[in-house]
Amino acid sequence: MAQTIVDIQEELIAEFDLFEDWADKYEYLIDLGKKLPAMGEEWKTEENVIKGCQSRVWLHGEKNGEVVNFQADSEAVIVKGLISMLIRVLSGHSAAEILAADLYFIDKIGMSQHLAQTRSNGLLAMVKQMKNYALAFSAQ
């Protein structure tokens, strides 16, 4: 049985709860980014750059059968960690599940309070872009 979006969010919350201070949490976030599978160079195009992010972030979504899968990359290590968490939570789910998802884990792990305003805006832009892909795929 595949994990639900809620299951994966709970898993991430538990992982971040293992760390006492924010230096360690950032370190973990950077590690998550380093583990992000490489994105195909063919997807690193201007059309795939997320608008509203300070650093360059590329995001590509594809529908395979009933599920949507995402690939992404960024030049910034923290941002790469953020997008890797979003991919972990949303990739492999149906467009309807992605559209209905309440991404509460971002607040629960304290990310909202610890990111600079520009990074928070970028994070929201990433979520919005992933939901836009899901919306487009659900209309197909």
N, C-alpha and C. Protein backbone atom coordinates (compact mmCIF):
# COMPACT_ATOMS: atom_id res chain seq x y z
N MET A 1 0.85 -1.20 0.00
CA MET A 1 0.00 0.00 0.00
C MET A 1 0.88 1.25 0.00
N ALA A 2 0.67 2.09 -0.95
CA ALA A 2 1.46 3.32 -1.04
C ALA A 2 1.14 4.25 0.14
N GLN A 3 2.14 5.02 0.52
CA GLN A 3 1.93 5.97 1.61
C GLN A 3 1.07 7.13 1.13
N THR A 4 0.27 7.66 2.03
CA THR A 4 -0.54 8.82 1.69
C THR A 4 0.30 10.08 1.89
N ILE A 5 -0.20 11.18 1.38
CA ILE A 5 0.48 12.47 1.56
C ILE A 5 0.60 12.79 3.05
N VAL A 6 -0.44 12.47 3.81
CA VAL A 6 -0.40 12.70 5.26
C VAL A 6 0.69 11.85 5.93
N ASP A 7 0.77 10.55 5.54
CA ASP A 7 1.80 9.65 6.11
C ASP A 7 3.20 10.23 5.90
N ILE A 8 3.46 10.69 4.69
CA ILE A 8 4.79 11.20 4.36
C ILE A 8 5.08 12.48 5.14
N GLN A 9 4.07 13.33 5.29
CA GLN A 9 4.27 14.56 6.07
C GLN A 9 4.59 14.21 7.52
N GLU A 10 3.88 13.23 8.07
CA GLU A 10 4.13 12.81 9.46
C GLU A 10 5.55 12.26 9.62
N GLU A 11 6.01 11.53 8.60
CA GLU A 11 7.37 10.99 8.60
C GLU A 11 8.40 12.12 8.64
N LEU A 12 8.19 13.12 7.80
CA LEU A 12 9.11 14.27 7.77
C LEU A 12 9.11 15.02 9.10
N ILE A 13 7.93 15.21 9.67
CA ILE A 13 7.83 15.90 10.97
C ILE A 13 8.63 15.13 12.02
N ALA A 14 8.47 13.80 12.04
CA ALA A 14 9.20 12.96 13.00
C ALA A 14 10.71 13.07 12.77
N GLU A 15 11.14 13.08 11.52
CA GLU A 15 12.57 13.20 11.22
C GLU A 15 13.13 14.52 11.74
N PHE A 16 12.42 15.62 11.50
CA PHE A 16 12.90 16.93 11.96
C PHE A 16 12.83 17.06 13.48
N ASP A 17 11.90 16.34 14.11
CA ASP A 17 11.79 16.37 15.57
C ASP A 17 13.00 15.75 16.25
N LEU A 18 13.77 14.95 15.52
CA LEU A 18 14.97 14.32 16.09
C LEU A 18 16.06 15.36 16.39
N PHE A 19 15.97 16.52 15.74
CA PHE A 19 16.99 17.55 15.92
C PHE A 19 16.53 18.61 16.88
N GLU A 20 17.42 18.95 17.83
CA GLU A 20 17.10 19.94 18.85
C GLU A 20 17.16 21.37 18.30
N ASP A 21 18.28 21.68 17.63
CA ASP A 21 18.44 23.09 17.22
C ASP A 21 18.37 23.26 15.71
N TRP A 22 18.21 24.52 15.33
CA TRP A 22 18.00 24.84 13.93
C TRP A 22 19.21 24.62 13.05
N ALA A 23 20.39 24.71 13.63
CA ALA A 23 21.60 24.45 12.83
C ALA A 23 21.55 23.01 12.31
N ASP A 24 21.16 22.08 13.20
CA ASP A 24 21.06 20.67 12.81
C ASP A 24 19.93 20.44 11.80
N LYS A 25 18.82 21.15 12.00
CA LYS A 25 17.69 20.99 11.07
C LYS A 25 18.07 21.49 9.68
N TYR A 26 18.81 22.60 9.62
CA TYR A 26 19.27 23.12 8.32
C TYR A 26 20.22 22.13 7.67
N GLU A 27 21.09 21.56 8.49
CA GLU A 27 22.05 20.56 8.00
C GLU A 27 21.29 19.39 7.37
N TYR A 28 20.24 18.94 8.05
CA TYR A 28 19.42 17.84 7.55
C TYR A 28 18.72 18.23 6.25
N LEU A 29 18.20 19.46 6.22
CA LEU A 29 17.53 19.97 5.02
C LEU A 29 18.50 19.96 3.83
N ILE A 30 19.72 20.39 4.06
CA ILE A 30 20.75 20.40 3.01
C ILE A 30 21.05 18.97 2.56
N ASP A 31 21.11 18.03 3.51
CA ASP A 31 21.34 16.63 3.17
C ASP A 31 20.21 16.09 2.28
N LEU A 32 18.98 16.45 2.62
CA LEU A 32 17.84 16.02 1.81
C LEU A 32 17.99 16.53 0.38
N GLY A 33 18.44 17.76 0.24
CA GLY A 33 18.66 18.35 -1.08
C GLY A 33 19.74 17.62 -1.85
N LYS A 34 20.79 17.21 -1.14
CA LYS A 34 21.89 16.49 -1.80
C LYS A 34 21.43 15.12 -2.31
N LYS A 35 20.40 14.56 -1.68
CA LYS A 35 19.90 13.23 -2.08
C LYS A 35 18.86 13.32 -3.20
N LEU A 36 18.51 14.54 -3.57
CA LEU A 36 17.51 14.71 -4.63
C LEU A 36 18.07 14.13 -5.93
N PRO A 37 17.32 13.23 -6.57
CA PRO A 37 17.81 12.66 -7.83
C PRO A 37 18.10 13.75 -8.85
N ALA A 38 19.16 13.56 -9.62
CA ALA A 38 19.54 14.55 -10.63
C ALA A 38 18.41 14.77 -11.62
N MET A 39 18.23 16.00 -11.97
CA MET A 39 17.20 16.36 -12.94
C MET A 39 17.84 16.34 -14.33
N GLY A 40 17.10 15.80 -15.29
CA GLY A 40 17.59 15.78 -16.66
C GLY A 40 17.85 17.19 -17.16
N GLU A 41 18.99 17.40 -17.79
CA GLU A 41 19.36 18.74 -18.30
C GLU A 41 18.30 19.28 -19.26
N GLU A 42 17.60 18.37 -19.96
CA GLU A 42 16.59 18.82 -20.92
C GLU A 42 15.43 19.55 -20.25
N TRP A 43 15.28 19.39 -18.92
CA TRP A 43 14.19 20.05 -18.20
C TRP A 43 14.63 21.37 -17.57
N LYS A 44 15.92 21.65 -17.62
CA LYS A 44 16.42 22.91 -17.04
C LYS A 44 16.28 24.04 -18.05
N THR A 45 15.03 24.39 -18.30
CA THR A 45 14.71 25.42 -19.28
C THR A 45 14.07 26.61 -18.58
N GLU A 46 14.00 27.71 -19.29
CA GLU A 46 13.36 28.92 -18.73
C GLU A 46 11.90 28.65 -18.36
N GLU A 47 11.20 27.84 -19.18
CA GLU A 47 9.78 27.56 -18.90
C GLU A 47 9.61 26.83 -17.56
N ASN A 48 10.64 26.08 -17.15
CA ASN A 48 10.55 25.30 -15.92
C ASN A 48 11.09 26.03 -14.69
N VAL A 49 11.56 27.26 -14.87
CA VAL A 49 12.05 28.03 -13.72
C VAL A 49 10.82 28.55 -12.96
N ILE A 50 10.84 28.36 -11.65
CA ILE A 50 9.71 28.82 -10.83
C ILE A 50 9.85 30.31 -10.58
N LYS A 51 8.83 31.05 -10.97
CA LYS A 51 8.84 32.50 -10.75
C LYS A 51 8.55 32.76 -9.27
N GLY A 52 9.22 33.76 -8.72
CA GLY A 52 8.98 34.10 -7.32
C GLY A 52 10.01 33.51 -6.38
N CYS A 53 10.99 32.79 -6.91
CA CYS A 53 12.06 32.26 -6.07
C CYS A 53 13.29 33.11 -6.29
N GLN A 54 13.98 33.40 -5.18
CA GLN A 54 15.21 34.19 -5.24
C GLN A 54 16.29 33.44 -6.02
N SER A 55 16.45 32.16 -5.71
CA SER A 55 17.43 31.34 -6.41
C SER A 55 16.71 30.67 -7.57
N ARG A 56 17.49 30.21 -8.53
CA ARG A 56 16.86 29.52 -9.66
C ARG A 56 16.43 28.12 -9.22
N VAL A 57 15.17 27.82 -9.48
CA VAL A 57 14.62 26.50 -9.18
C VAL A 57 13.91 26.03 -10.43
N TRP A 58 14.28 24.83 -10.87
CA TRP A 58 13.61 24.24 -12.02
C TRP A 58 12.68 23.15 -11.52
N LEU A 59 11.48 23.10 -12.06
CA LEU A 59 10.52 22.07 -11.67
C LEU A 59 9.85 21.54 -12.92
N HIS A 60 9.82 20.21 -13.01
CA HIS A 60 9.16 19.56 -14.14
C HIS A 60 8.21 18.50 -13.59
N GLY A 61 6.99 18.49 -14.09
CA GLY A 61 6.02 17.48 -13.67
C GLY A 61 5.58 16.65 -14.87
N GLU A 62 5.37 15.38 -14.61
CA GLU A 62 4.88 14.47 -15.66
C GLU A 62 3.81 13.58 -15.08
N LYS A 63 2.81 13.28 -15.90
CA LYS A 63 1.78 12.36 -15.44
C LYS A 63 2.09 10.99 -16.02
N ASN A 64 2.22 10.01 -15.14
CA ASN A 64 2.46 8.63 -15.54
C ASN A 64 1.29 7.80 -15.05
N GLY A 65 0.41 7.41 -15.97
CA GLY A 65 -0.79 6.71 -15.57
C GLY A 65 -1.66 7.67 -14.78
N GLU A 66 -1.97 7.28 -13.55
CA GLU A 66 -2.81 8.13 -12.69
C GLU A 66 -2.01 9.04 -11.78
N VAL A 67 -0.67 8.84 -11.73
CA VAL A 67 0.12 9.62 -10.77
C VAL A 67 0.97 10.69 -11.45
N VAL A 68 1.25 11.72 -10.66
CA VAL A 68 2.09 12.81 -11.13
C VAL A 68 3.45 12.66 -10.45
N ASN A 69 4.51 12.77 -11.24
CA ASN A 69 5.87 12.71 -10.70
C ASN A 69 6.59 14.00 -11.03
N PHE A 70 7.38 14.45 -10.06
CA PHE A 70 8.11 15.70 -10.22
C PHE A 70 9.61 15.47 -10.21
N GLN A 71 10.30 16.32 -10.95
CA GLN A 71 11.76 16.41 -10.89
C GLN A 71 12.08 17.88 -10.64
N ALA A 72 13.14 18.14 -9.91
CA ALA A 72 13.50 19.54 -9.67
C ALA A 72 14.99 19.65 -9.38
N ASP A 73 15.46 20.88 -9.45
CA ASP A 73 16.83 21.18 -9.09
C ASP A 73 16.90 22.65 -8.73
N SER A 74 17.93 23.01 -7.98
CA SER A 74 18.16 24.41 -7.63
C SER A 74 19.65 24.62 -7.42
N GLU A 75 20.05 25.87 -7.61
CA GLU A 75 21.46 26.23 -7.38
C GLU A 75 21.72 26.43 -5.89
N ALA A 76 20.68 26.67 -5.11
CA ALA A 76 20.84 26.95 -3.68
C ALA A 76 20.56 25.69 -2.85
N VAL A 77 21.47 25.36 -1.93
CA VAL A 77 21.34 24.11 -1.18
C VAL A 77 20.10 24.05 -0.29
N ILE A 78 19.75 25.13 0.36
CA ILE A 78 18.55 25.14 1.22
C ILE A 78 17.30 24.95 0.35
N VAL A 79 17.25 25.67 -0.76
CA VAL A 79 16.10 25.58 -1.66
C VAL A 79 15.98 24.17 -2.23
N LYS A 80 17.10 23.57 -2.54
CA LYS A 80 17.10 22.20 -3.05
C LYS A 80 16.52 21.26 -1.99
N GLY A 81 16.84 21.50 -0.74
CA GLY A 81 16.27 20.72 0.36
C GLY A 81 14.77 20.91 0.47
N LEU A 82 14.32 22.14 0.33
CA LEU A 82 12.88 22.44 0.40
C LEU A 82 12.12 21.74 -0.72
N ILE A 83 12.62 21.85 -1.94
CA ILE A 83 11.92 21.24 -3.07
C ILE A 83 11.98 19.72 -2.96
N SER A 84 13.07 19.19 -2.39
CA SER A 84 13.16 17.73 -2.23
C SER A 84 12.08 17.23 -1.28
N MET A 85 11.78 18.01 -0.23
CA MET A 85 10.70 17.62 0.70
C MET A 85 9.36 17.66 -0.01
N LEU A 86 9.12 18.70 -0.79
CA LEU A 86 7.84 18.81 -1.51
C LEU A 86 7.68 17.66 -2.49
N ILE A 87 8.77 17.30 -3.17
CA ILE A 87 8.70 16.18 -4.12
C ILE A 87 8.41 14.88 -3.37
N ARG A 88 9.08 14.70 -2.24
CA ARG A 88 8.85 13.49 -1.44
C ARG A 88 7.39 13.37 -1.03
N VAL A 89 6.79 14.49 -0.66
CA VAL A 89 5.41 14.49 -0.19
C VAL A 89 4.41 14.34 -1.35
N LEU A 90 4.64 15.03 -2.45
CA LEU A 90 3.62 15.10 -3.51
C LEU A 90 3.82 14.15 -4.69
N SER A 91 5.06 13.82 -5.03
CA SER A 91 5.32 12.96 -6.19
C SER A 91 4.72 11.58 -5.96
N GLY A 92 4.23 10.98 -7.04
CA GLY A 92 3.69 9.63 -6.93
C GLY A 92 2.24 9.57 -6.49
N HIS A 93 1.59 10.72 -6.44
CA HIS A 93 0.18 10.77 -6.06
C HIS A 93 -0.64 11.28 -7.24
N SER A 94 -1.94 11.07 -7.18
CA SER A 94 -2.80 11.52 -8.27
C SER A 94 -2.92 13.04 -8.23
N ALA A 95 -3.30 13.60 -9.37
CA ALA A 95 -3.50 15.05 -9.46
C ALA A 95 -4.53 15.51 -8.42
N ALA A 96 -5.60 14.73 -8.26
CA ALA A 96 -6.65 15.10 -7.29
C ALA A 96 -6.10 15.14 -5.86
N GLU A 97 -5.25 14.14 -5.52
CA GLU A 97 -4.66 14.12 -4.17
C GLU A 97 -3.74 15.32 -3.96
N ILE A 98 -2.98 15.66 -4.98
CA ILE A 98 -2.06 16.80 -4.88
C ILE A 98 -2.85 18.09 -4.70
N LEU A 99 -3.91 18.24 -5.48
CA LEU A 99 -4.74 19.45 -5.38
C LEU A 99 -5.41 19.57 -4.01
N ALA A 100 -5.79 18.44 -3.43
CA ALA A 100 -6.49 18.44 -2.14
C ALA A 100 -5.54 18.51 -0.95
N ALA A 101 -4.24 18.32 -1.19
CA ALA A 101 -3.28 18.22 -0.09
C ALA A 101 -3.17 19.49 0.72
N ASP A 102 -3.21 19.31 2.04
CA ASP A 102 -2.96 20.39 2.98
C ASP A 102 -1.53 20.15 3.45
N LEU A 103 -0.61 20.99 3.02
CA LEU A 103 0.81 20.78 3.35
C LEU A 103 1.15 21.42 4.70
N TYR A 104 0.68 20.79 5.76
CA TYR A 104 0.87 21.32 7.10
C TYR A 104 2.27 21.06 7.67
N PHE A 105 3.01 20.13 7.07
CA PHE A 105 4.32 19.77 7.62
C PHE A 105 5.30 20.95 7.64
N ILE A 106 5.14 21.88 6.71
CA ILE A 106 6.05 23.03 6.62
C ILE A 106 5.99 23.84 7.92
N ASP A 107 4.77 24.07 8.42
CA ASP A 107 4.60 24.78 9.69
C ASP A 107 5.03 23.91 10.87
N LYS A 108 4.64 22.63 10.82
CA LYS A 108 4.92 21.72 11.94
C LYS A 108 6.41 21.55 12.22
N ILE A 109 7.22 21.55 11.16
CA ILE A 109 8.66 21.40 11.41
C ILE A 109 9.31 22.76 11.71
N GLY A 110 8.51 23.82 11.68
CA GLY A 110 9.02 25.14 12.04
C GLY A 110 9.66 25.89 10.89
N MET A 111 9.51 25.35 9.69
CA MET A 111 10.18 25.95 8.53
C MET A 111 9.68 27.37 8.28
N SER A 112 8.37 27.58 8.45
CA SER A 112 7.80 28.91 8.16
C SER A 112 8.44 30.00 9.00
N GLN A 113 8.71 29.69 10.28
CA GLN A 113 9.29 30.70 11.17
C GLN A 113 10.78 30.90 10.93
N HIS A 114 11.46 29.90 10.38
CA HIS A 114 12.91 29.97 10.27
C HIS A 114 13.44 30.32 8.89
N LEU A 115 12.54 30.52 7.95
CA LEU A 115 13.00 30.91 6.61
C LEU A 115 12.87 32.42 6.47
N ALA A 116 13.80 33.00 5.73
CA ALA A 116 13.70 34.42 5.42
C ALA A 116 12.42 34.60 4.59
N GLN A 117 11.88 35.80 4.62
CA GLN A 117 10.63 36.09 3.90
C GLN A 117 10.73 35.70 2.42
N THR A 118 11.86 36.00 1.80
CA THR A 118 12.01 35.69 0.37
C THR A 118 11.98 34.18 0.14
N ARG A 119 12.59 33.40 1.07
CA ARG A 119 12.57 31.94 0.93
C ARG A 119 11.16 31.40 1.15
N SER A 120 10.44 31.98 2.12
CA SER A 120 9.05 31.55 2.37
C SER A 120 8.20 31.79 1.13
N ASN A 121 8.39 32.95 0.49
CA ASN A 121 7.66 33.26 -0.73
C ASN A 121 8.02 32.26 -1.82
N GLY A 122 9.29 31.92 -1.90
CA GLY A 122 9.76 30.94 -2.88
C GLY A 122 9.14 29.58 -2.64
N LEU A 123 9.05 29.20 -1.36
CA LEU A 123 8.45 27.92 -0.99
C LEU A 123 6.99 27.88 -1.43
N LEU A 124 6.27 28.97 -1.19
CA LEU A 124 4.87 29.06 -1.62
C LEU A 124 4.77 28.99 -3.15
N ALA A 125 5.72 29.61 -3.84
CA ALA A 125 5.73 29.57 -5.31
C ALA A 125 5.95 28.14 -5.80
N MET A 126 6.81 27.37 -5.09
CA MET A 126 7.06 25.98 -5.48
C MET A 126 5.79 25.15 -5.31
N VAL A 127 5.12 25.31 -4.17
CA VAL A 127 3.87 24.58 -3.90
C VAL A 127 2.84 24.93 -4.97
N LYS A 128 2.71 26.23 -5.26
CA LYS A 128 1.74 26.70 -6.24
C LYS A 128 2.02 26.07 -7.60
N GLN A 129 3.29 26.03 -8.00
CA GLN A 129 3.65 25.47 -9.30
C GLN A 129 3.33 23.97 -9.36
N MET A 130 3.58 23.25 -8.27
CA MET A 130 3.28 21.82 -8.23
C MET A 130 1.77 21.60 -8.34
N LYS A 131 1.01 22.43 -7.66
CA LYS A 131 -0.46 22.33 -7.72
C LYS A 131 -0.97 22.72 -9.11
N ASN A 132 -0.28 23.68 -9.76
CA ASN A 132 -0.65 24.06 -11.13
C ASN A 132 -0.46 22.88 -12.09
N TYR A 133 0.65 22.15 -11.93
CA TYR A 133 0.87 20.97 -12.75
C TYR A 133 -0.28 19.99 -12.53
N ALA A 134 -0.62 19.74 -11.26
CA ALA A 134 -1.68 18.80 -10.92
C ALA A 134 -3.01 19.25 -11.54
N LEU A 135 -3.26 20.55 -11.50
CA LEU A 135 -4.49 21.10 -12.08
C LEU A 135 -4.53 20.85 -13.58
N ALA A 136 -3.42 21.11 -14.25
CA ALA A 136 -3.34 20.89 -15.70
C ALA A 136 -3.54 19.41 -16.02
N PHE A 137 -2.91 18.52 -15.23
CA PHE A 137 -3.04 17.08 -15.48
C PHE A 137 -4.45 16.57 -15.18
N SER A 138 -5.11 17.17 -14.21
CA SER A 138 -6.46 16.70 -13.86
C SER A 138 -7.45 17.11 -14.96
N ALA A 139 -7.11 18.13 -15.73
CA ALA A 139 -7.98 18.60 -16.81
C ALA A 139 -7.82 17.77 -18.08
N GLN A 140 -6.78 16.95 -18.13
CA GLN A 140 -6.52 16.13 -19.33
C GLN A 140 -7.49 14.97 -19.47
